[in-house]
Amino acid sequence: AAEVLFISQPSLSKQIKTLENRLDITLLNREHNKISLTEAGKVFLQYSERVLALCEESCRVLNDLKNGDRGNLTVGASQTIGTYLMPRVLALFAQNYPQINLKVQVESTRVIAKNVVNREIDIAVVGGDVPSELKKSLK
């Protein structure tokens, strides 16, 4: 085990003993140059493996988020575009990026523009004219 961890055997033994002292329980049976896990050691190993798997998974998920491979995307569309164009476009998007949680909001152009300004929508496609008071906020 020490070789796999790239540390010396005495150092590994000391770390295991320190862990046992902190937990106030014996994790290893040490008999006649033979080592085996105690019942507590087996339980600790099972939980340790689960914790490590969760750490690895969380690192993958965070990396996906950082790279834009995972996350949430809220798309807004005006009535006509949202009814006729967006279903096909969003179906293709969902097919190509299944790990992105996609939410769609179909409203009037005014409401969609307002929601973009308020950062309730990440991206929008509208067919009507955006009111001038909202255009200023979008720049």
N, C-alpha and C. Protein backbone atom coordinates (compact mmCIF):
# COMPACT_ATOMS: atom_id res chain seq x y z
N ALA A 1 0.83 -1.20 0.00
CA ALA A 1 0.00 0.00 0.00
C ALA A 1 0.86 1.26 0.00
N ALA A 2 1.97 1.21 0.73
CA ALA A 2 2.85 2.38 0.79
C ALA A 2 3.39 2.73 -0.58
N GLU A 3 3.73 1.70 -1.38
CA GLU A 3 4.26 1.96 -2.72
C GLU A 3 3.24 2.67 -3.59
N VAL A 4 1.99 2.24 -3.52
CA VAL A 4 0.92 2.84 -4.31
C VAL A 4 0.75 4.30 -3.94
N LEU A 5 0.92 4.62 -2.66
CA LEU A 5 0.76 5.99 -2.17
C LEU A 5 2.03 6.82 -2.26
N PHE A 6 3.12 6.19 -2.70
CA PHE A 6 4.42 6.85 -2.83
C PHE A 6 4.92 7.41 -1.51
N ILE A 7 4.73 6.64 -0.45
CA ILE A 7 5.29 7.02 0.86
C ILE A 7 5.95 5.79 1.46
N SER A 8 6.77 5.98 2.46
CA SER A 8 7.46 4.84 3.09
C SER A 8 6.50 4.06 3.97
N GLN A 9 6.81 2.78 4.17
CA GLN A 9 5.96 1.93 5.01
C GLN A 9 5.85 2.47 6.44
N PRO A 10 6.97 2.90 7.07
CA PRO A 10 6.85 3.44 8.42
C PRO A 10 5.94 4.68 8.49
N SER A 11 6.01 5.51 7.47
CA SER A 11 5.17 6.70 7.44
C SER A 11 3.70 6.31 7.32
N LEU A 12 3.37 5.35 6.47
CA LEU A 12 2.00 4.89 6.32
C LEU A 12 1.49 4.27 7.62
N SER A 13 2.32 3.45 8.25
CA SER A 13 1.94 2.83 9.52
C SER A 13 1.65 3.88 10.58
N LYS A 14 2.47 4.91 10.62
CA LYS A 14 2.28 6.00 11.59
C LYS A 14 0.97 6.74 11.32
N GLN A 15 0.66 7.00 10.05
CA GLN A 15 -0.57 7.71 9.71
C GLN A 15 -1.81 6.88 10.06
N ILE A 16 -1.74 5.57 9.82
CA ILE A 16 -2.87 4.70 10.17
C ILE A 16 -3.05 4.68 11.69
N LYS A 17 -1.95 4.58 12.42
CA LYS A 17 -2.02 4.58 13.89
C LYS A 17 -2.60 5.91 14.40
N THR A 18 -2.21 7.01 13.80
CA THR A 18 -2.74 8.33 14.17
C THR A 18 -4.24 8.39 13.93
N LEU A 19 -4.68 7.85 12.78
CA LEU A 19 -6.11 7.81 12.47
C LEU A 19 -6.86 6.96 13.49
N GLU A 20 -6.31 5.81 13.82
CA GLU A 20 -6.94 4.94 14.81
C GLU A 20 -7.05 5.64 16.17
N ASN A 21 -6.00 6.36 16.54
CA ASN A 21 -6.03 7.08 17.82
C ASN A 21 -7.08 8.19 17.80
N ARG A 22 -7.17 8.91 16.70
CA ARG A 22 -8.17 9.98 16.61
C ARG A 22 -9.59 9.45 16.65
N LEU A 23 -9.80 8.30 15.99
CA LEU A 23 -11.13 7.69 15.96
C LEU A 23 -11.40 6.87 17.22
N ASP A 24 -10.34 6.59 17.95
CA ASP A 24 -10.41 5.76 19.16
C ASP A 24 -11.01 4.39 18.85
N ILE A 25 -10.52 3.80 17.74
CA ILE A 25 -10.97 2.46 17.34
C ILE A 25 -9.87 1.82 16.49
N THR A 26 -9.74 0.51 16.58
CA THR A 26 -8.73 -0.22 15.80
C THR A 26 -9.30 -0.54 14.43
N LEU A 27 -8.56 -0.18 13.40
CA LEU A 27 -9.00 -0.42 12.03
C LEU A 27 -8.33 -1.65 11.42
N LEU A 28 -7.15 -1.99 11.91
CA LEU A 28 -6.38 -3.11 11.37
C LEU A 28 -6.04 -4.12 12.45
N ASN A 29 -6.17 -5.40 12.09
CA ASN A 29 -5.65 -6.48 12.94
C ASN A 29 -4.20 -6.68 12.54
N ARG A 30 -3.32 -6.63 13.49
CA ARG A 30 -1.89 -6.82 13.21
C ARG A 30 -1.43 -8.06 13.97
N GLU A 31 -1.36 -9.19 13.27
CA GLU A 31 -0.97 -10.44 13.91
C GLU A 31 0.06 -11.18 13.08
N HIS A 32 1.21 -11.53 13.69
CA HIS A 32 2.24 -12.37 13.06
C HIS A 32 2.56 -11.94 11.62
N ASN A 33 2.93 -10.72 11.44
CA ASN A 33 3.26 -10.17 10.11
C ASN A 33 2.11 -10.28 9.10
N LYS A 34 0.91 -10.42 9.61
CA LYS A 34 -0.27 -10.48 8.75
C LYS A 34 -1.20 -9.34 9.16
N ILE A 35 -1.70 -8.62 8.16
CA ILE A 35 -2.58 -7.48 8.44
C ILE A 35 -3.93 -7.73 7.77
N SER A 36 -5.00 -7.48 8.51
CA SER A 36 -6.35 -7.57 7.94
C SER A 36 -7.21 -6.47 8.56
N LEU A 37 -8.29 -6.18 7.90
CA LEU A 37 -9.20 -5.14 8.40
C LEU A 37 -10.08 -5.70 9.52
N THR A 38 -10.26 -4.89 10.53
CA THR A 38 -11.25 -5.22 11.56
C THR A 38 -12.63 -4.90 10.97
N GLU A 39 -13.68 -5.23 11.71
CA GLU A 39 -15.03 -4.88 11.24
C GLU A 39 -15.14 -3.37 11.07
N ALA A 40 -14.58 -2.61 12.03
CA ALA A 40 -14.58 -1.15 11.94
C ALA A 40 -13.78 -0.70 10.73
N GLY A 41 -12.68 -1.39 10.44
CA GLY A 41 -11.86 -1.06 9.28
C GLY A 41 -12.60 -1.26 7.98
N LYS A 42 -13.41 -2.34 7.91
CA LYS A 42 -14.20 -2.61 6.71
C LYS A 42 -15.25 -1.52 6.50
N VAL A 43 -15.91 -1.13 7.58
CA VAL A 43 -16.92 -0.06 7.49
C VAL A 43 -16.26 1.24 7.07
N PHE A 44 -15.13 1.56 7.69
CA PHE A 44 -14.41 2.80 7.36
C PHE A 44 -13.97 2.79 5.90
N LEU A 45 -13.51 1.64 5.41
CA LEU A 45 -13.10 1.53 4.00
C LEU A 45 -14.27 1.78 3.07
N GLN A 46 -15.44 1.20 3.36
CA GLN A 46 -16.62 1.41 2.51
C GLN A 46 -16.98 2.89 2.43
N TYR A 47 -17.00 3.55 3.58
CA TYR A 47 -17.35 4.98 3.58
C TYR A 47 -16.26 5.80 2.90
N SER A 48 -15.01 5.44 3.11
CA SER A 48 -13.90 6.17 2.48
C SER A 48 -13.99 6.09 0.96
N GLU A 49 -14.32 4.91 0.45
CA GLU A 49 -14.44 4.75 -1.00
C GLU A 49 -15.59 5.58 -1.54
N ARG A 50 -16.69 5.66 -0.79
CA ARG A 50 -17.83 6.49 -1.21
C ARG A 50 -17.46 7.96 -1.20
N VAL A 51 -16.74 8.39 -0.17
CA VAL A 51 -16.32 9.79 -0.07
C VAL A 51 -15.39 10.14 -1.23
N LEU A 52 -14.44 9.26 -1.53
CA LEU A 52 -13.52 9.52 -2.65
C LEU A 52 -14.26 9.57 -3.98
N ALA A 53 -15.22 8.68 -4.16
CA ALA A 53 -16.00 8.68 -5.40
C ALA A 53 -16.78 9.99 -5.54
N LEU A 54 -17.36 10.47 -4.43
CA LEU A 54 -18.08 11.75 -4.46
C LEU A 54 -17.13 12.92 -4.75
N CYS A 55 -15.93 12.87 -4.19
CA CYS A 55 -14.94 13.92 -4.47
C CYS A 55 -14.59 13.95 -5.96
N GLU A 56 -14.37 12.76 -6.52
CA GLU A 56 -14.04 12.69 -7.95
C GLU A 56 -15.20 13.19 -8.80
N GLU A 57 -16.41 12.78 -8.44
CA GLU A 57 -17.59 13.22 -9.19
C GLU A 57 -17.78 14.73 -9.09
N SER A 58 -17.60 15.28 -7.90
CA SER A 58 -17.76 16.74 -7.74
C SER A 58 -16.72 17.49 -8.55
N CYS A 59 -15.50 16.97 -8.62
CA CYS A 59 -14.47 17.62 -9.44
C CYS A 59 -14.84 17.59 -10.92
N ARG A 60 -15.37 16.45 -11.37
CA ARG A 60 -15.81 16.35 -12.78
C ARG A 60 -16.93 17.33 -13.08
N VAL A 61 -17.91 17.41 -12.18
CA VAL A 61 -19.05 18.30 -12.38
C VAL A 61 -18.60 19.76 -12.38
N LEU A 62 -17.73 20.12 -11.43
CA LEU A 62 -17.23 21.50 -11.39
C LEU A 62 -16.44 21.83 -12.64
N ASN A 63 -15.68 20.87 -13.13
CA ASN A 63 -14.92 21.08 -14.37
C ASN A 63 -15.88 21.26 -15.55
N ASP A 64 -16.95 20.43 -15.58
CA ASP A 64 -17.96 20.59 -16.63
C ASP A 64 -18.61 21.97 -16.58
N LEU A 65 -18.94 22.42 -15.36
CA LEU A 65 -19.53 23.76 -15.22
C LEU A 65 -18.58 24.83 -15.72
N LYS A 66 -17.32 24.70 -15.34
CA LYS A 66 -16.32 25.68 -15.75
C LYS A 66 -16.18 25.73 -17.27
N ASN A 67 -16.28 24.57 -17.91
CA ASN A 67 -16.10 24.49 -19.35
C ASN A 67 -17.40 24.71 -20.13
N GLY A 68 -18.50 24.94 -19.41
CA GLY A 68 -19.77 25.15 -20.07
C GLY A 68 -20.42 23.86 -20.56
N ASP A 69 -19.94 22.72 -20.07
CA ASP A 69 -20.49 21.43 -20.49
C ASP A 69 -21.68 21.00 -19.64
N ARG A 70 -21.98 21.76 -18.61
CA ARG A 70 -23.08 21.42 -17.70
C ARG A 70 -23.59 22.70 -17.09
N GLY A 71 -24.85 22.72 -16.73
CA GLY A 71 -25.39 23.90 -16.07
C GLY A 71 -26.82 24.15 -16.47
N ASN A 72 -27.26 25.35 -16.22
CA ASN A 72 -28.63 25.75 -16.52
C ASN A 72 -28.61 26.84 -17.58
N LEU A 73 -29.57 26.78 -18.48
CA LEU A 73 -29.71 27.81 -19.50
C LEU A 73 -31.19 28.14 -19.63
N THR A 74 -31.52 29.41 -19.44
CA THR A 74 -32.90 29.86 -19.60
C THR A 74 -32.99 30.66 -20.88
N VAL A 75 -33.84 30.19 -21.76
CA VAL A 75 -34.01 30.80 -23.08
C VAL A 75 -35.39 31.44 -23.14
N GLY A 76 -35.43 32.66 -23.62
CA GLY A 76 -36.69 33.36 -23.78
C GLY A 76 -37.01 33.55 -25.25
N ALA A 77 -38.28 33.56 -25.57
CA ALA A 77 -38.69 33.78 -26.96
C ALA A 77 -40.04 34.48 -26.98
N SER A 78 -40.22 35.33 -27.98
CA SER A 78 -41.53 35.96 -28.15
C SER A 78 -42.51 34.91 -28.67
N GLN A 79 -43.79 35.24 -28.66
CA GLN A 79 -44.86 34.28 -28.93
C GLN A 79 -44.67 33.50 -30.25
N THR A 80 -44.54 34.19 -31.35
CA THR A 80 -44.46 33.52 -32.65
C THR A 80 -43.21 32.65 -32.76
N ILE A 81 -42.08 33.23 -32.40
CA ILE A 81 -40.81 32.49 -32.47
C ILE A 81 -40.84 31.31 -31.51
N GLY A 82 -41.35 31.55 -30.30
CA GLY A 82 -41.41 30.50 -29.29
C GLY A 82 -42.33 29.36 -29.68
N THR A 83 -43.34 29.66 -30.47
CA THR A 83 -44.31 28.64 -30.87
C THR A 83 -43.85 27.85 -32.10
N TYR A 84 -43.24 28.54 -33.08
CA TYR A 84 -42.95 27.88 -34.35
C TYR A 84 -41.48 27.53 -34.57
N LEU A 85 -40.56 28.36 -34.13
CA LEU A 85 -39.14 28.14 -34.43
C LEU A 85 -38.41 27.43 -33.28
N MET A 86 -38.60 27.90 -32.05
CA MET A 86 -37.81 27.42 -30.91
C MET A 86 -37.95 25.92 -30.61
N PRO A 87 -39.13 25.32 -30.75
CA PRO A 87 -39.20 23.89 -30.42
C PRO A 87 -38.19 23.04 -31.18
N ARG A 88 -38.03 23.29 -32.47
CA ARG A 88 -37.06 22.51 -33.26
C ARG A 88 -35.63 22.83 -32.86
N VAL A 89 -35.34 24.12 -32.69
CA VAL A 89 -33.99 24.55 -32.33
C VAL A 89 -33.60 24.00 -30.95
N LEU A 90 -34.52 24.12 -30.00
CA LEU A 90 -34.22 23.66 -28.65
C LEU A 90 -34.15 22.14 -28.56
N ALA A 91 -34.91 21.44 -29.37
CA ALA A 91 -34.82 19.98 -29.40
C ALA A 91 -33.44 19.55 -29.89
N LEU A 92 -32.92 20.22 -30.91
CA LEU A 92 -31.56 19.92 -31.40
C LEU A 92 -30.52 20.25 -30.33
N PHE A 93 -30.71 21.39 -29.68
CA PHE A 93 -29.78 21.78 -28.62
C PHE A 93 -29.77 20.73 -27.51
N ALA A 94 -30.95 20.33 -27.06
CA ALA A 94 -31.06 19.35 -25.98
C ALA A 94 -30.45 18.01 -26.38
N GLN A 95 -30.58 17.67 -27.64
CA GLN A 95 -30.01 16.43 -28.15
C GLN A 95 -28.48 16.48 -28.12
N ASN A 96 -27.92 17.62 -28.47
CA ASN A 96 -26.46 17.77 -28.51
C ASN A 96 -25.84 18.07 -27.15
N TYR A 97 -26.63 18.65 -26.24
CA TYR A 97 -26.13 19.02 -24.92
C TYR A 97 -27.09 18.52 -23.83
N PRO A 98 -27.22 17.21 -23.68
CA PRO A 98 -28.19 16.66 -22.73
C PRO A 98 -27.89 17.01 -21.27
N GLN A 99 -26.66 17.38 -20.96
CA GLN A 99 -26.28 17.70 -19.59
C GLN A 99 -26.62 19.14 -19.20
N ILE A 100 -27.10 19.93 -20.16
CA ILE A 100 -27.52 21.30 -19.87
C ILE A 100 -29.01 21.28 -19.52
N ASN A 101 -29.35 21.82 -18.37
CA ASN A 101 -30.74 21.91 -17.95
C ASN A 101 -31.35 23.14 -18.63
N LEU A 102 -32.25 22.90 -19.56
CA LEU A 102 -32.81 23.95 -20.40
C LEU A 102 -34.20 24.35 -19.92
N LYS A 103 -34.40 25.64 -19.72
CA LYS A 103 -35.73 26.18 -19.39
C LYS A 103 -36.11 27.16 -20.49
N VAL A 104 -37.37 27.14 -20.87
CA VAL A 104 -37.84 28.01 -21.95
C VAL A 104 -38.97 28.88 -21.41
N GLN A 105 -38.92 30.14 -21.81
CA GLN A 105 -39.96 31.09 -21.41
C GLN A 105 -40.50 31.75 -22.67
N VAL A 106 -41.79 31.59 -22.93
CA VAL A 106 -42.41 32.20 -24.11
C VAL A 106 -43.39 33.26 -23.60
N GLU A 107 -43.11 34.51 -23.98
CA GLU A 107 -43.92 35.66 -23.54
C GLU A 107 -43.90 36.71 -24.64
N SER A 108 -44.48 37.84 -24.36
CA SER A 108 -44.42 38.95 -25.31
C SER A 108 -42.98 39.47 -25.38
N THR A 109 -42.68 40.17 -26.47
CA THR A 109 -41.33 40.74 -26.63
C THR A 109 -40.98 41.63 -25.45
N ARG A 110 -41.91 42.44 -25.00
CA ARG A 110 -41.68 43.35 -23.87
C ARG A 110 -41.29 42.57 -22.61
N VAL A 111 -42.03 41.53 -22.29
CA VAL A 111 -41.77 40.74 -21.08
C VAL A 111 -40.42 40.03 -21.20
N ILE A 112 -40.14 39.47 -22.37
CA ILE A 112 -38.86 38.77 -22.58
C ILE A 112 -37.70 39.74 -22.43
N ALA A 113 -37.80 40.92 -23.04
CA ALA A 113 -36.72 41.92 -22.93
C ALA A 113 -36.54 42.35 -21.48
N LYS A 114 -37.63 42.55 -20.77
CA LYS A 114 -37.56 42.92 -19.35
C LYS A 114 -36.87 41.83 -18.54
N ASN A 115 -37.17 40.57 -18.82
CA ASN A 115 -36.56 39.46 -18.10
C ASN A 115 -35.07 39.30 -18.43
N VAL A 116 -34.68 39.66 -19.63
CA VAL A 116 -33.25 39.67 -19.98
C VAL A 116 -32.55 40.76 -19.17
N VAL A 117 -33.15 41.95 -19.12
CA VAL A 117 -32.58 43.06 -18.34
C VAL A 117 -32.44 42.67 -16.88
N ASN A 118 -33.44 41.97 -16.35
CA ASN A 118 -33.42 41.55 -14.94
C ASN A 118 -32.60 40.27 -14.70
N ARG A 119 -31.95 39.79 -15.75
CA ARG A 119 -31.11 38.59 -15.69
C ARG A 119 -31.88 37.33 -15.27
N GLU A 120 -33.15 37.29 -15.62
CA GLU A 120 -33.97 36.11 -15.37
C GLU A 120 -33.88 35.15 -16.56
N ILE A 121 -33.42 35.67 -17.68
CA ILE A 121 -33.25 34.89 -18.92
C ILE A 121 -31.81 35.09 -19.37
N ASP A 122 -31.17 33.99 -19.81
CA ASP A 122 -29.78 34.07 -20.26
C ASP A 122 -29.67 34.57 -21.70
N ILE A 123 -30.58 34.12 -22.54
CA ILE A 123 -30.54 34.49 -23.95
C ILE A 123 -31.97 34.50 -24.48
N ALA A 124 -32.23 35.37 -25.46
CA ALA A 124 -33.60 35.47 -25.97
C ALA A 124 -33.60 35.72 -27.47
N VAL A 125 -34.69 35.27 -28.09
CA VAL A 125 -34.92 35.53 -29.50
C VAL A 125 -36.34 36.09 -29.60
N VAL A 126 -36.44 37.30 -30.15
CA VAL A 126 -37.75 37.94 -30.25
C VAL A 126 -37.98 38.41 -31.69
N GLY A 127 -39.25 38.47 -32.05
CA GLY A 127 -39.60 38.91 -33.40
C GLY A 127 -40.06 40.34 -33.44
N GLY A 128 -40.56 40.86 -32.34
CA GLY A 128 -41.06 42.23 -32.31
C GLY A 128 -39.99 43.22 -31.95
N ASP A 129 -40.37 44.49 -31.99
CA ASP A 129 -39.45 45.56 -31.61
C ASP A 129 -39.35 45.62 -30.08
N VAL A 130 -38.12 45.71 -29.61
CA VAL A 130 -37.88 45.86 -28.16
C VAL A 130 -38.14 47.32 -27.82
N PRO A 131 -38.97 47.58 -26.80
CA PRO A 131 -39.26 48.97 -26.42
C PRO A 131 -37.97 49.75 -26.13
N SER A 132 -37.95 51.02 -26.55
CA SER A 132 -36.73 51.84 -26.45
C SER A 132 -36.20 51.94 -25.02
N GLU A 133 -37.09 52.02 -24.00
CA GLU A 133 -36.60 52.12 -22.62
C GLU A 133 -35.86 50.85 -22.19
N LEU A 134 -36.22 49.71 -22.78
CA LEU A 134 -35.53 48.48 -22.45
C LEU A 134 -34.26 48.31 -23.29
N LYS A 135 -34.27 48.84 -24.51
CA LYS A 135 -33.07 48.76 -25.36
C LYS A 135 -31.88 49.40 -24.68
N LYS A 136 -32.10 50.54 -24.01
CA LYS A 136 -31.01 51.25 -23.31
C LYS A 136 -30.40 50.37 -22.24
N SER A 137 -31.24 49.61 -21.54
CA SER A 137 -30.76 48.74 -20.47
C SER A 137 -30.01 47.52 -20.98
N LEU A 138 -30.26 47.15 -22.23
CA LEU A 138 -29.63 45.96 -22.80
C LEU A 138 -28.22 46.21 -23.32
N LYS A 139 -27.87 47.47 -23.47
CA LYS A 139 -26.54 47.78 -24.04
C LYS A 139 -25.46 47.60 -23.04
